[in-house]
N, C-alpha and C. Protein backbone atom coordinates (compact mmCIF):
# COMPACT_ATOMS: atom_id res chain seq x y z
N MET A 1 91.62 -195.71 18.11
CA MET A 1 90.74 -196.54 17.30
C MET A 1 89.30 -196.22 17.68
N GLU A 2 88.49 -195.96 16.68
CA GLU A 2 87.09 -195.66 16.92
C GLU A 2 86.23 -196.77 16.32
N PHE A 3 85.11 -197.02 16.97
CA PHE A 3 84.19 -198.05 16.50
C PHE A 3 82.85 -197.42 16.17
N ILE A 4 82.20 -197.97 15.15
CA ILE A 4 80.85 -197.53 14.85
C ILE A 4 79.88 -198.31 15.74
N GLU A 5 78.66 -197.83 15.82
CA GLU A 5 77.67 -198.43 16.72
C GLU A 5 77.49 -199.93 16.47
N GLU A 6 77.45 -200.34 15.21
CA GLU A 6 77.26 -201.76 14.89
C GLU A 6 78.41 -202.61 15.41
N GLN A 7 79.63 -202.07 15.36
CA GLN A 7 80.79 -202.80 15.87
C GLN A 7 80.69 -202.97 17.38
N ILE A 8 80.29 -201.92 18.07
CA ILE A 8 80.16 -201.97 19.53
C ILE A 8 79.11 -203.00 19.92
N ILE A 9 77.98 -203.01 19.23
CA ILE A 9 76.93 -203.98 19.52
C ILE A 9 77.45 -205.40 19.30
N GLY A 10 78.20 -205.61 18.23
CA GLY A 10 78.77 -206.92 17.96
C GLY A 10 79.74 -207.35 19.05
N ILE A 11 80.55 -206.42 19.53
CA ILE A 11 81.49 -206.70 20.61
C ILE A 11 80.74 -207.11 21.87
N LEU A 12 79.71 -206.37 22.21
CA LEU A 12 78.93 -206.69 23.41
C LEU A 12 78.24 -208.05 23.28
N ARG A 13 77.75 -208.37 22.11
CA ARG A 13 77.11 -209.68 21.90
C ARG A 13 78.11 -210.82 22.04
N GLU A 14 79.32 -210.62 21.53
CA GLU A 14 80.34 -211.65 21.68
C GLU A 14 80.69 -211.84 23.15
N GLN A 15 80.77 -210.74 23.88
CA GLN A 15 81.09 -210.82 25.31
C GLN A 15 79.96 -211.55 26.05
N GLU A 16 78.72 -211.27 25.71
CA GLU A 16 77.59 -211.96 26.33
C GLU A 16 77.61 -213.45 26.01
N ALA A 17 78.16 -213.81 24.86
CA ALA A 17 78.23 -215.22 24.46
C ALA A 17 79.46 -215.90 25.07
N ASN A 18 80.00 -215.29 26.12
CA ASN A 18 81.12 -215.84 26.89
C ASN A 18 82.46 -215.82 26.17
N ALA A 19 82.62 -214.91 25.22
CA ALA A 19 83.94 -214.76 24.61
C ALA A 19 84.87 -214.17 25.66
N LYS A 20 86.12 -214.58 25.63
CA LYS A 20 87.08 -214.07 26.60
C LYS A 20 87.48 -212.65 26.20
N THR A 21 87.55 -211.77 27.20
CA THR A 21 87.87 -210.37 26.95
C THR A 21 89.20 -210.21 26.23
N ALA A 22 90.21 -210.95 26.65
CA ALA A 22 91.53 -210.84 26.01
C ALA A 22 91.46 -211.23 24.54
N GLU A 23 90.69 -212.26 24.23
CA GLU A 23 90.55 -212.69 22.84
C GLU A 23 89.85 -211.63 22.01
N LEU A 24 88.80 -211.03 22.58
CA LEU A 24 88.10 -209.96 21.87
C LEU A 24 89.02 -208.79 21.62
N CYS A 25 89.79 -208.43 22.62
CA CYS A 25 90.71 -207.30 22.48
C CYS A 25 91.70 -207.55 21.36
N LEU A 26 92.30 -208.71 21.35
CA LEU A 26 93.28 -209.02 20.30
C LEU A 26 92.63 -209.06 18.92
N THR A 27 91.42 -209.56 18.84
CA THR A 27 90.72 -209.61 17.57
C THR A 27 90.44 -208.21 17.05
N LEU A 28 90.08 -207.32 17.95
CA LEU A 28 89.70 -205.97 17.56
C LEU A 28 90.89 -205.06 17.30
N THR A 29 91.94 -205.19 18.09
CA THR A 29 93.05 -204.26 17.98
C THR A 29 94.24 -204.80 17.20
N ARG A 30 94.37 -206.12 17.15
CA ARG A 30 95.50 -206.78 16.49
C ARG A 30 96.82 -206.46 17.17
N SER A 31 96.75 -205.97 18.42
CA SER A 31 97.98 -205.63 19.13
C SER A 31 97.83 -205.90 20.61
N ALA A 32 98.69 -206.73 21.16
CA ALA A 32 98.65 -207.02 22.59
C ALA A 32 98.96 -205.77 23.39
N HIS A 33 99.80 -204.89 22.86
CA HIS A 33 100.15 -203.65 23.57
C HIS A 33 98.91 -202.79 23.79
N GLU A 34 98.05 -202.66 22.78
CA GLU A 34 96.85 -201.85 22.92
C GLU A 34 95.90 -202.42 23.96
N CYS A 35 95.91 -203.72 24.15
CA CYS A 35 95.02 -204.36 25.12
C CYS A 35 95.46 -204.07 26.55
N ARG A 36 96.72 -203.79 26.75
CA ARG A 36 97.23 -203.54 28.09
C ARG A 36 97.12 -202.09 28.50
N THR A 37 96.85 -201.18 27.57
CA THR A 37 96.82 -199.76 27.90
C THR A 37 95.42 -199.29 28.15
């Protein structure tokens, strides 16, 4: 899975706003398996 620059910036902003990493991963990948690898 590849992200464009705007997506990466959005991810970093969500993380700075105290979003949980696991929640971000699931939102972005839609797969718990991808989050573990």
